[in-house]
Amino acid sequence: MKRILVPTDFSKHAEYALRVAAQIARENNAEIILLHMLELPHQGTDAMGSGSDIPEIMFFKNRAIDKLEDLMDVDFLKGISVSEIIQFEKAFEGILGVSKKNDVDFIVMGSHGASGFQEMFIGSNTEKVVRFSDVPVLVIKNETPSFSAKNLVFASDFSDEIKKPFKQLLDFARGFNANLKLVMINTPNTFKPTAVAERMMADFMAEFDYPNYSTHIYNDVNVEKGILNFANKVDADLIGMCTHGRTGFAHFFNGSISEDLVNHAIRPVITFKI
């Protein structure tokens, strides 16, 4: 992990994400790209507006530059290589475009609003970034003075399509020397006998070299509640999952992760695209 992209709108939630990105950058000797997307009032009909809009455009740009420069001078970024980008583009398209253009390894974003993950994921820019980003996305909801991924829960059905993104998760886990807790959620509609579930997980892990892991089977009424309750039970630092680009959250057990998981998760969530 050498290059971390942190989109910011200068909100407190964006600062929470930047603080976590700074911690990760220090541990991995990585650089941070600080991105502010400047969506102008007339954007959408005319990318840069008419000639009469130029003073307004320059006002917003200069104000954003001042804020970015102030942000780059904060104490928690000292000693870290930080660059800044201001992009005249809609947030979702711009974030993905900057990520690809700058060969970003990782995106860290914050959630916004009282409704937390619901506001962030359902139909918003962050939801779209999570859905379509080719690189892992870490979403931070609350202030996290000391970010840790030592106790990392990864929930999955452990099918073959998960193997490719799982390699990315292992790279992340190695960087934090994480204790990886692999969990398969058993529900009434997707019930598997313990012996069958254990064999599926053992066969899945047989292809990977990562000694510090344990496997778990957790029974609950649905997958969403199972992941949340298991994460609470083991006091997870971080919840990991995979996503499908075409539909958003990955299909666990032939069904989509519902709104309940992202609405109620209080822990950081990291996603990896299938």
C-alpha atoms as a PDB file:
ATOM      1  CA  MET A   1       0.000   0.000   0.000  1.00  0.00           C
ATOM      2  CA  LYS A   2       1.802   3.065  -1.283  1.00  0.00           C
ATOM      3  CA  ARG A   3      -0.870   5.578  -2.255  1.00  0.00           C
ATOM      4  CA  ILE A   4      -4.045   6.380  -0.307  1.00  0.00           C
ATOM      5  CA  LEU A   5      -6.816   8.569  -1.693  1.00  0.00           C
ATOM      6  CA  VAL A   6      -8.878  10.568   0.803  1.00  0.00           C
ATOM      7  CA  PRO A   7     -11.800  12.553  -0.635  1.00  0.00           C
ATOM      8  CA  THR A   8     -12.780  15.475   1.576  1.00  0.00           C
ATOM      9  CA  ASP A   9     -15.624  17.959   1.786  1.00  0.00           C
ATOM     10  CA  PHE A  10     -14.022  19.501   4.912  1.00  0.00           C
ATOM     11  CA  SER A  11     -16.681  17.997   7.195  1.00  0.00           C
ATOM     12  CA  LYS A  12     -15.881  16.394  10.547  1.00  0.00           C
ATOM     13  CA  HIS A  13     -16.616  12.962   9.070  1.00  0.00           C
ATOM     14  CA  ALA A  14     -14.092  13.561   6.303  1.00  0.00           C
ATOM     15  CA  GLU A  15     -11.588  14.550   9.000  1.00  0.00           C
ATOM     16  CA  TYR A  16     -12.262  11.268  10.826  1.00  0.00           C
ATOM     17  CA  ALA A  17     -11.381   9.445   7.612  1.00  0.00           C
ATOM     18  CA  LEU A  18      -8.253  11.541   7.063  1.00  0.00           C
ATOM     19  CA  ARG A  19      -7.030  10.843  10.586  1.00  0.00           C
ATOM     20  CA  VAL A  20      -7.383   7.107   9.988  1.00  0.00           C
ATOM     21  CA  ALA A  21      -5.674   7.420   6.598  1.00  0.00           C
ATOM     22  CA  ALA A  22      -2.787   9.211   8.310  1.00  0.00           C
ATOM     23  CA  GLN A  23      -2.381   6.340  10.770  1.00  0.00           C
ATOM     24  CA  ILE A  24      -2.399   3.797   7.944  1.00  0.00           C
ATOM     25  CA  ALA A  25       0.034   5.874   5.886  1.00  0.00           C
ATOM     26  CA  ARG A  26       2.518   6.025   8.771  1.00  0.00           C
ATOM     27  CA  GLU A  27       2.396   2.275   9.308  1.00  0.00           C
ATOM     28  CA  ASN A  28       2.884   1.552   5.620  1.00  0.00           C
ATOM     29  CA  ASN A  29       5.174   4.428   4.619  1.00  0.00           C
ATOM     30  CA  ALA A  30       2.493   5.499   2.155  1.00  0.00           C
ATOM     31  CA  GLU A  31       1.560   8.857   0.693  1.00  0.00           C
ATOM     32  CA  ILE A  32      -1.848  10.505   0.876  1.00  0.00           C
ATOM     33  CA  ILE A  33      -3.681  12.178  -1.988  1.00  0.00           C
ATOM     34  CA  LEU A  34      -6.192  14.644  -0.597  1.00  0.00           C
ATOM     35  CA  LEU A  35      -9.022  15.222  -3.054  1.00  0.00           C
ATOM     36  CA  HIS A  36     -11.735  17.850  -3.060  1.00  0.00           C
ATOM     37  CA  MET A  37     -14.425  17.589  -5.702  1.00  0.00           C
ATOM     38  CA  LEU A  38     -15.704  21.019  -6.692  1.00  0.00           C
ATOM     39  CA  GLU A  39     -19.265  20.655  -7.908  1.00  0.00           C
ATOM     40  CA  LEU A  40     -20.287  24.054  -9.234  1.00  0.00           C
ATOM     41  CA  PRO A  41     -23.819  25.478  -9.301  1.00  0.00           C
ATOM     42  CA  HIS A  42     -24.129  25.172 -13.084  1.00  0.00           C
ATOM     43  CA  GLN A  43     -22.410  21.824 -13.335  1.00  0.00           C
ATOM     44  CA  GLY A  44     -24.434  19.322 -15.272  1.00  0.00           C
ATOM     45  CA  THR A  45     -25.666  21.639 -18.038  1.00  0.00           C
ATOM     46  CA  ASP A  46     -22.357  23.263 -18.902  1.00  0.00           C
ATOM     47  CA  ALA A  47     -19.225  21.788 -17.305  1.00  0.00           C
ATOM     48  CA  MET A  48     -17.628  25.138 -16.600  1.00  0.00           C
ATOM     49  CA  GLY A  49     -20.622  27.400 -16.863  1.00  0.00           C
ATOM     50  CA  SER A  50     -20.774  30.541 -18.996  1.00  0.00           C
ATOM     51  CA  GLY A  51     -18.237  33.320 -19.125  1.00  0.00           C
ATOM     52  CA  SER A  52     -20.195  35.241 -16.502  1.00  0.00           C
ATOM     53  CA  ASP A  53     -19.628  32.360 -14.074  1.00  0.00           C
ATOM     54  CA  ILE A  54     -15.829  32.598 -14.131  1.00  0.00           C
ATOM     55  CA  PRO A  55     -15.532  34.893 -11.068  1.00  0.00           C
ATOM     56  CA  GLU A  56     -17.789  32.531  -9.123  1.00  0.00           C
ATOM     57  CA  ILE A  57     -15.758  29.514 -10.255  1.00  0.00           C
ATOM     58  CA  MET A  58     -12.507  31.175  -9.204  1.00  0.00           C
ATOM     59  CA  PHE A  59     -13.992  32.133  -5.845  1.00  0.00           C
ATOM     60  CA  PHE A  60     -14.944  28.540  -5.046  1.00  0.00           C
ATOM     61  CA  LYS A  61     -11.636  27.201  -6.340  1.00  0.00           C
ATOM     62  CA  ASN A  62      -9.527  29.647  -4.326  1.00  0.00           C
ATOM     63  CA  ARG A  63     -11.564  28.984  -1.218  1.00  0.00           C
ATOM     64  CA  ALA A  64     -11.053  25.228  -1.676  1.00  0.00           C
ATOM     65  CA  ILE A  65      -7.308  25.729  -2.181  1.00  0.00           C
ATOM     66  CA  ASP A  66      -7.078  27.705   1.067  1.00  0.00           C
ATOM     67  CA  LYS A  67      -8.968  25.011   2.966  1.00  0.00           C
ATOM     68  CA  LEU A  68      -6.823  22.231   1.522  1.00  0.00           C
ATOM     69  CA  GLU A  69      -3.607  24.043   2.381  1.00  0.00           C
ATOM     70  CA  ASP A  70      -4.822  24.590   5.948  1.00  0.00           C
ATOM     71  CA  LEU A  71      -5.761  20.929   6.167  1.00  0.00           C
ATOM     72  CA  MET A  72      -2.366  19.801   4.920  1.00  0.00           C
ATOM     73  CA  ASP A  73      -0.734  21.717   7.775  1.00  0.00           C
ATOM     74  CA  VAL A  74      -2.547  19.885  10.593  1.00  0.00           C
ATOM     75  CA  ASP A  75      -0.341  18.170  13.150  1.00  0.00           C
ATOM     76  CA  PHE A  76      -1.522  14.622  12.469  1.00  0.00           C
ATOM     77  CA  LEU A  77      -0.239  14.820   8.879  1.00  0.00           C
ATOM     78  CA  LYS A  78       3.267  15.993   9.780  1.00  0.00           C
ATOM     79  CA  GLY A  79       5.955  13.736   8.337  1.00  0.00           C
ATOM     80  CA  ILE A  80       3.587  12.189   5.793  1.00  0.00           C
ATOM     81  CA  SER A  81       3.866  12.894   2.072  1.00  0.00           C
ATOM     82  CA  VAL A  82       0.592  14.626   1.145  1.00  0.00           C
ATOM     83  CA  SER A  83      -0.486  16.017  -2.210  1.00  0.00           C
ATOM     84  CA  GLU A  84      -3.695  17.835  -3.062  1.00  0.00           C
ATOM     85  CA  ILE A  85      -6.047  17.713  -6.023  1.00  0.00           C
ATOM     86  CA  ILE A  86      -9.056  19.881  -6.796  1.00  0.00           C
ATOM     87  CA  GLN A  87     -11.278  18.375  -9.447  1.00  0.00           C
ATOM     88  CA  PHE A  88     -14.114  20.113 -11.310  1.00  0.00           C
ATOM     89  CA  GLU A  89     -16.361  17.103 -11.610  1.00  0.00           C
ATOM     90  CA  LYS A  90     -19.208  15.318  -9.897  1.00  0.00           C
ATOM     91  CA  ALA A  91     -17.921  13.541  -6.800  1.00  0.00           C
ATOM     92  CA  PHE A  92     -18.550   9.925  -7.746  1.00  0.00           C
ATOM     93  CA  GLU A  93     -17.050  10.096 -11.233  1.00  0.00           C
ATOM     94  CA  GLY A  94     -14.189  12.281 -10.061  1.00  0.00           C
ATOM     95  CA  ILE A  95     -13.146  10.050  -7.178  1.00  0.00           C
ATOM     96  CA  LEU A  96     -13.006   6.955  -9.354  1.00  0.00           C
ATOM     97  CA  GLY A  97     -11.236   8.850 -12.131  1.00  0.00           C
ATOM     98  CA  VAL A  98      -8.575  10.285  -9.835  1.00  0.00           C
ATOM     99  CA  SER A  99      -8.099   6.867  -8.241  1.00  0.00           C
ATOM    100  CA  LYS A 100      -7.347   5.218 -11.566  1.00  0.00           C
ATOM    101  CA  LYS A 101      -5.261   8.081 -12.969  1.00  0.00           C
ATOM    102  CA  ASN A 102      -3.014   8.202  -9.903  1.00  0.00           C
ATOM    103  CA  ASP A 103      -2.681   4.444  -9.450  1.00  0.00           C
ATOM    104  CA  VAL A 104      -4.240   4.580  -5.979  1.00  0.00           C
ATOM    105  CA  ASP A 105      -4.029   1.446  -3.826  1.00  0.00           C
ATOM    106  CA  PHE A 106      -6.662   2.330  -1.266  1.00  0.00           C
ATOM    107  CA  ILE A 107      -9.514   4.788  -0.653  1.00  0.00           C
ATOM    108  CA  VAL A 108     -10.546   6.018   2.796  1.00  0.00           C
ATOM    109  CA  MET A 109     -13.892   7.817   3.084  1.00  0.00           C
ATOM    110  CA  GLY A 110     -16.094   9.094   5.891  1.00  0.00           C
ATOM    111  CA  SER A 111     -19.833   8.754   6.349  1.00  0.00           C
ATOM    112  CA  HIS A 112     -22.097  11.777   6.778  1.00  0.00           C
ATOM    113  CA  GLY A 113     -25.283  12.721   8.527  1.00  0.00           C
ATOM    114  CA  ALA A 114     -27.270  11.509  11.486  1.00  0.00           C
ATOM    115  CA  SER A 115     -28.406   8.443   9.569  1.00  0.00           C
ATOM    116  CA  GLY A 116     -24.806   7.382   9.166  1.00  0.00           C
ATOM    117  CA  PHE A 117     -24.304   4.438   6.843  1.00  0.00           C
ATOM    118  CA  GLN A 118     -27.810   4.667   5.377  1.00  0.00           C
ATOM    119  CA  GLU A 119     -27.159   8.230   4.239  1.00  0.00           C
ATOM    120  CA  MET A 120     -23.759   7.249   2.959  1.00  0.00           C
ATOM    121  CA  PHE A 121     -24.406   4.009   1.151  1.00  0.00           C
ATOM    122  CA  ILE A 122     -27.928   4.103  -0.186  1.00  0.00           C
ATOM    123  CA  GLY A 123     -27.843   6.010  -3.464  1.00  0.00           C
ATOM    124  CA  SER A 124     -25.073   8.393  -2.460  1.00  0.00           C
ATOM    125  CA  ASN A 125     -21.590   9.098  -3.777  1.00  0.00           C
ATOM    126  CA  THR A 126     -19.921   6.856  -1.227  1.00  0.00           C
ATOM    127  CA  GLU A 127     -22.231   3.983  -2.073  1.00  0.00           C
ATOM    128  CA  LYS A 128     -21.280   4.350  -5.731  1.00  0.00           C
ATOM    129  CA  VAL A 129     -17.572   4.482  -4.935  1.00  0.00           C
ATOM    130  CA  VAL A 130     -17.889   1.358  -2.784  1.00  0.00           C
ATOM    131  CA  ARG A 131     -19.807  -0.371  -5.565  1.00  0.00           C
ATOM    132  CA  PHE A 132     -17.523   0.450  -8.474  1.00  0.00           C
ATOM    133  CA  SER A 133     -14.052   1.071  -7.049  1.00  0.00           C
ATOM    134  CA  ASP A 134     -11.454  -1.407  -8.259  1.00  0.00           C
ATOM    135  CA  VAL A 135      -9.387  -0.798  -5.129  1.00  0.00           C
ATOM    136  CA  PRO A 136     -10.412  -1.458  -1.511  1.00  0.00           C
ATOM    137  CA  VAL A 137     -12.533   1.194   0.179  1.00  0.00           C
ATOM    138  CA  LEU A 138     -12.413   1.796   3.919  1.00  0.00           C
ATOM    139  CA  VAL A 139     -15.405   3.656   5.345  1.00  0.00           C
ATOM    140  CA  ILE A 140     -15.084   5.458   8.672  1.00  0.00           C
ATOM    141  CA  LYS A 141     -18.187   6.549  10.537  1.00  0.00           C
ATOM    142  CA  ASN A 142     -16.909   7.765  13.900  1.00  0.00           C
ATOM    143  CA  GLU A 143     -13.842   9.445  15.310  1.00  0.00           C
ATOM    144  CA  THR A 144     -11.142   6.789  15.658  1.00  0.00           C
ATOM    145  CA  PRO A 145      -8.156   8.099  17.639  1.00  0.00           C
ATOM    146  CA  SER A 146      -6.326   4.794  17.354  1.00  0.00           C
ATOM    147  CA  PHE A 147      -7.313   2.809  14.281  1.00  0.00           C
ATOM    148  CA  SER A 148      -6.707  -0.914  14.510  1.00  0.00           C
ATOM    149  CA  ALA A 149      -7.361  -3.882  12.268  1.00  0.00           C
ATOM    150  CA  LYS A 150      -5.913  -6.448  14.658  1.00  0.00           C
ATOM    151  CA  ASN A 151      -9.301  -8.067  15.117  1.00  0.00           C
ATOM    152  CA  LEU A 152     -10.656  -8.305  11.557  1.00  0.00           C
ATOM    153  CA  VAL A 153     -13.925 -10.062  10.779  1.00  0.00           C
ATOM    154  CA  PHE A 154     -14.483 -11.235   7.221  1.00  0.00           C
ATOM    155  CA  ALA A 155     -17.983 -12.492   6.434  1.00  0.00           C
ATOM    156  CA  SER A 156     -18.553 -14.487   3.270  1.00  0.00           C
ATOM    157  CA  ASP A 157     -20.109 -17.549   1.677  1.00  0.00           C
ATOM    158  CA  PHE A 158     -16.532 -18.581   0.695  1.00  0.00           C
ATOM    159  CA  SER A 159     -17.426 -19.321  -2.909  1.00  0.00           C
ATOM    160  CA  ASP A 160     -14.850 -19.398  -5.702  1.00  0.00           C
ATOM    161  CA  GLU A 161     -15.646 -15.831  -6.831  1.00  0.00           C
ATOM    162  CA  ILE A 162     -14.475 -14.529  -3.464  1.00  0.00           C
ATOM    163  CA  LYS A 163     -10.920 -15.848  -3.897  1.00  0.00           C
ATOM    164  CA  LYS A 164      -9.586 -12.964  -5.987  1.00  0.00           C
ATOM    165  CA  PRO A 165     -10.728 -10.131  -3.674  1.00  0.00           C
ATOM    166  CA  PHE A 166      -9.763 -12.259  -0.676  1.00  0.00           C
ATOM    167  CA  LYS A 167      -6.132 -11.991  -1.789  1.00  0.00           C
ATOM    168  CA  GLN A 168      -6.444  -8.214  -1.444  1.00  0.00           C
ATOM    169  CA  LEU A 169      -7.910  -8.631   2.022  1.00  0.00           C
ATOM    170  CA  LEU A 170      -4.974 -10.826   3.032  1.00  0.00           C
ATOM    171  CA  ASP A 171      -2.516  -8.182   1.825  1.00  0.00           C
ATOM    172  CA  PHE A 172      -4.326  -5.655   4.001  1.00  0.00           C
ATOM    173  CA  ALA A 173      -4.424  -8.074   6.949  1.00  0.00           C
ATOM    174  CA  ARG A 174      -0.689  -8.750   6.718  1.00  0.00           C
ATOM    175  CA  GLY A 175       0.017  -5.034   6.917  1.00  0.00           C
ATOM    176  CA  PHE A 176      -1.689  -4.926  10.313  1.00  0.00           C
ATOM    177  CA  ASN A 177      -0.702  -8.408  11.486  1.00  0.00           C
ATOM    178  CA  ALA A 178      -4.424  -8.972  11.824  1.00  0.00           C
ATOM    179  CA  ASN A 179      -6.099 -11.823  13.624  1.00  0.00           C
ATOM    180  CA  LEU A 180      -8.509 -12.796  10.868  1.00  0.00           C
ATOM    181  CA  LYS A 181     -11.869 -14.179  11.928  1.00  0.00           C
ATOM    182  CA  LEU A 182     -13.634 -15.813   9.005  1.00  0.00           C
ATOM    183  CA  VAL A 183     -17.345 -16.220   9.578  1.00  0.00           C
ATOM    184  CA  MET A 184     -20.083 -17.990   7.673  1.00  0.00           C
ATOM    185  CA  ILE A 185     -23.556 -16.935   8.731  1.00  0.00           C
ATOM    186  CA  ASN A 186     -26.127 -19.727   8.939  1.00  0.00           C
ATOM    187  CA  THR A 187     -29.726 -18.627   8.544  1.00  0.00           C
ATOM    188  CA  PRO A 188     -32.986 -20.621   8.378  1.00  0.00           C
ATOM    189  CA  ASN A 189     -33.126 -20.087   4.613  1.00  0.00           C
ATOM    190  CA  THR A 190     -29.480 -20.924   3.948  1.00  0.00           C
ATOM    191  CA  PHE A 191     -28.770 -23.497   6.609  1.00  0.00           C
ATOM    192  CA  LYS A 192     -25.725 -25.712   6.237  1.00  0.00           C
ATOM    193  CA  PRO A 193     -24.759 -28.489   8.651  1.00  0.00           C
ATOM    194  CA  THR A 194     -21.695 -27.611  10.700  1.00  0.00           C
ATOM    195  CA  ALA A 195     -19.596 -30.303   9.012  1.00  0.00           C
ATOM    196  CA  VAL A 196     -20.462 -28.964   5.556  1.00  0.00           C
ATOM    197  CA  ALA A 197     -19.746 -25.336   6.483  1.00  0.00           C
ATOM    198  CA  GLU A 198     -16.444 -26.270   8.138  1.00  0.00           C
ATOM    199  CA  ARG A 199     -15.348 -28.223   5.066  1.00  0.00           C
ATOM    200  CA  MET A 200     -16.220 -25.333   2.733  1.00  0.00           C
ATOM    201  CA  MET A 201     -14.134 -22.910   4.778  1.00  0.00           C
ATOM    202  CA  ALA A 202     -11.228 -25.350   5.129  1.00  0.00           C
ATOM    203  CA  ASP A 203     -11.169 -25.993   1.379  1.00  0.00           C
ATOM    204  CA  PHE A 204     -11.297 -22.241   0.705  1.00  0.00           C
ATOM    205  CA  MET A 205      -8.356 -21.474   3.005  1.00  0.00           C
ATOM    206  CA  ALA A 206      -6.279 -24.386   1.714  1.00  0.00           C
ATOM    207  CA  GLU A 207      -5.249 -22.169  -1.217  1.00  0.00           C
ATOM    208  CA  PHE A 208      -3.961 -19.328   0.954  1.00  0.00           C
ATOM    209  CA  ASP A 209      -0.950 -18.907   3.204  1.00  0.00           C
ATOM    210  CA  TYR A 210      -2.101 -16.935   6.228  1.00  0.00           C
ATOM    211  CA  PRO A 211      -1.494 -18.591   9.601  1.00  0.00           C
ATOM    212  CA  ASN A 212      -3.232 -16.143  11.899  1.00  0.00           C
ATOM    213  CA  TYR A 213      -6.886 -16.955  11.280  1.00  0.00           C
ATOM    214  CA  SER A 214      -9.809 -18.809  12.778  1.00  0.00           C
ATOM    215  CA  THR A 215     -13.081 -20.009  11.271  1.00  0.00           C
ATOM    216  CA  HIS A 216     -16.514 -19.504  12.777  1.00  0.00           C
ATOM    217  CA  ILE A 217     -20.091 -20.472  12.036  1.00  0.00           C
ATOM    218  CA  TYR A 218     -22.717 -18.131  13.442  1.00  0.00           C
ATOM    219  CA  ASN A 219     -26.447 -18.805  13.468  1.00  0.00           C
ATOM    220  CA  ASP A 220     -28.895 -15.935  13.191  1.00  0.00           C
ATOM    221  CA  VAL A 221     -32.215 -14.988  11.657  1.00  0.00           C
ATOM    222  CA  ASN A 222     -30.579 -13.295   8.660  1.00  0.00           C
ATOM    223  CA  VAL A 223     -27.127 -12.558   7.306  1.00  0.00           C
ATOM    224  CA  GLU A 224     -27.120  -8.864   8.236  1.00  0.00           C
ATOM    225  CA  LYS A 225     -27.943  -9.455  11.881  1.00  0.00           C
ATOM    226  CA  GLY A 226     -25.518 -12.355  11.970  1.00  0.00           C
ATOM    227  CA  ILE A 227     -22.572 -10.249  10.803  1.00  0.00           C
ATOM    228  CA  LEU A 228     -23.375  -7.425  13.214  1.00  0.00           C
ATOM    229  CA  ASN A 229     -23.969  -9.730  16.171  1.00  0.00           C
ATOM    230  CA  PHE A 230     -20.845 -11.766  15.496  1.00  0.00           C
ATOM    231  CA  ALA A 231     -18.756  -8.594  15.164  1.00  0.00           C
ATOM    232  CA  ASN A 232     -20.146  -7.416  18.493  1.00  0.00           C
ATOM    233  CA  LYS A 233     -19.478 -10.790  20.110  1.00  0.00           C
ATOM    234  CA  VAL A 234     -15.787 -10.813  19.157  1.00  0.00           C
ATOM    235  CA  ASP A 235     -15.397  -7.031  19.584  1.00  0.00           C
ATOM    236  CA  ALA A 236     -14.158  -6.620  16.015  1.00  0.00           C
ATOM    237  CA  ASP A 237     -12.053  -3.633  15.045  1.00  0.00           C
ATOM    238  CA  LEU A 238     -13.146  -3.862  11.429  1.00  0.00           C
ATOM    239  CA  ILE A 239     -15.692  -5.687   9.269  1.00  0.00           C
ATOM    240  CA  GLY A 240     -14.614  -6.835   5.821  1.00  0.00           C
ATOM    241  CA  MET A 241     -16.823  -7.886   2.924  1.00  0.00           C
ATOM    242  CA  CYS A 242     -16.850  -8.122  -0.843  1.00  0.00           C
ATOM    243  CA  THR A 243     -18.954  -6.185  -3.340  1.00  0.00           C
ATOM    244  CA  HIS A 244     -20.324  -6.789  -6.808  1.00  0.00           C
ATOM    245  CA  GLY A 245     -19.925  -3.846  -9.150  1.00  0.00           C
ATOM    246  CA  ARG A 246     -23.258  -4.460 -10.788  1.00  0.00           C
ATOM    247  CA  THR A 247     -25.409  -4.527  -7.672  1.00  0.00           C
ATOM    248  CA  GLY A 248     -23.548  -2.918  -4.818  1.00  0.00           C
ATOM    249  CA  PHE A 249     -22.936  -5.156  -1.862  1.00  0.00           C
ATOM    250  CA  ALA A 250     -21.758  -8.669  -2.519  1.00  0.00           C
ATOM    251  CA  HIS A 251     -24.247 -11.474  -2.542  1.00  0.00           C
ATOM    252  CA  PHE A 252     -23.826 -13.552   0.561  1.00  0.00           C
ATOM    253  CA  PHE A 253     -25.712 -16.850   0.505  1.00  0.00           C
ATOM    254  CA  ASN A 254     -27.516 -15.984  -2.756  1.00  0.00           C
ATOM    255  CA  GLY A 255     -28.959 -12.768  -1.364  1.00  0.00           C
ATOM    256  CA  SER A 256     -27.883  -9.148  -1.163  1.00  0.00           C
ATOM    257  CA  ILE A 257     -26.661  -7.639   2.057  1.00  0.00           C
ATOM    258  CA  SER A 258     -29.617  -5.527   3.061  1.00  0.00           C
ATOM    259  CA  GLU A 259     -29.804  -1.964   4.228  1.00  0.00           C
ATOM    260  CA  ASP A 260     -29.841  -3.161   7.841  1.00  0.00           C
ATOM    261  CA  LEU A 261     -26.117  -3.952   7.908  1.00  0.00           C
ATOM    262  CA  VAL A 262     -24.908  -0.559   6.763  1.00  0.00           C
ATOM    263  CA  ASN A 263     -27.529   1.313   8.731  1.00  0.00           C
ATOM    264  CA  HIS A 264     -26.558  -0.239  12.026  1.00  0.00           C
ATOM    265  CA  ALA A 265     -22.830  -0.924  11.732  1.00  0.00           C
ATOM    266  CA  ILE A 266     -20.870   1.319  14.079  1.00  0.00           C
ATOM    267  CA  ARG A 267     -17.520  -0.227  13.241  1.00  0.00           C
ATOM    268  CA  PRO A 268     -15.372   0.644  10.233  1.00  0.00           C
ATOM    269  CA  VAL A 269     -16.171  -1.370   7.119  1.00  0.00           C
ATOM    270  CA  ILE A 270     -13.721  -2.295   4.375  1.00  0.00           C
ATOM    271  CA  THR A 271     -14.918  -3.521   0.995  1.00  0.00           C
ATOM    272  CA  PHE A 272     -13.215  -5.381  -1.813  1.00  0.00           C
ATOM    273  CA  LYS A 273     -14.682  -5.595  -5.306  1.00  0.00           C
ATOM    274  CA  ILE A 274     -15.347  -9.023  -6.796  1.00  0.00           C
END
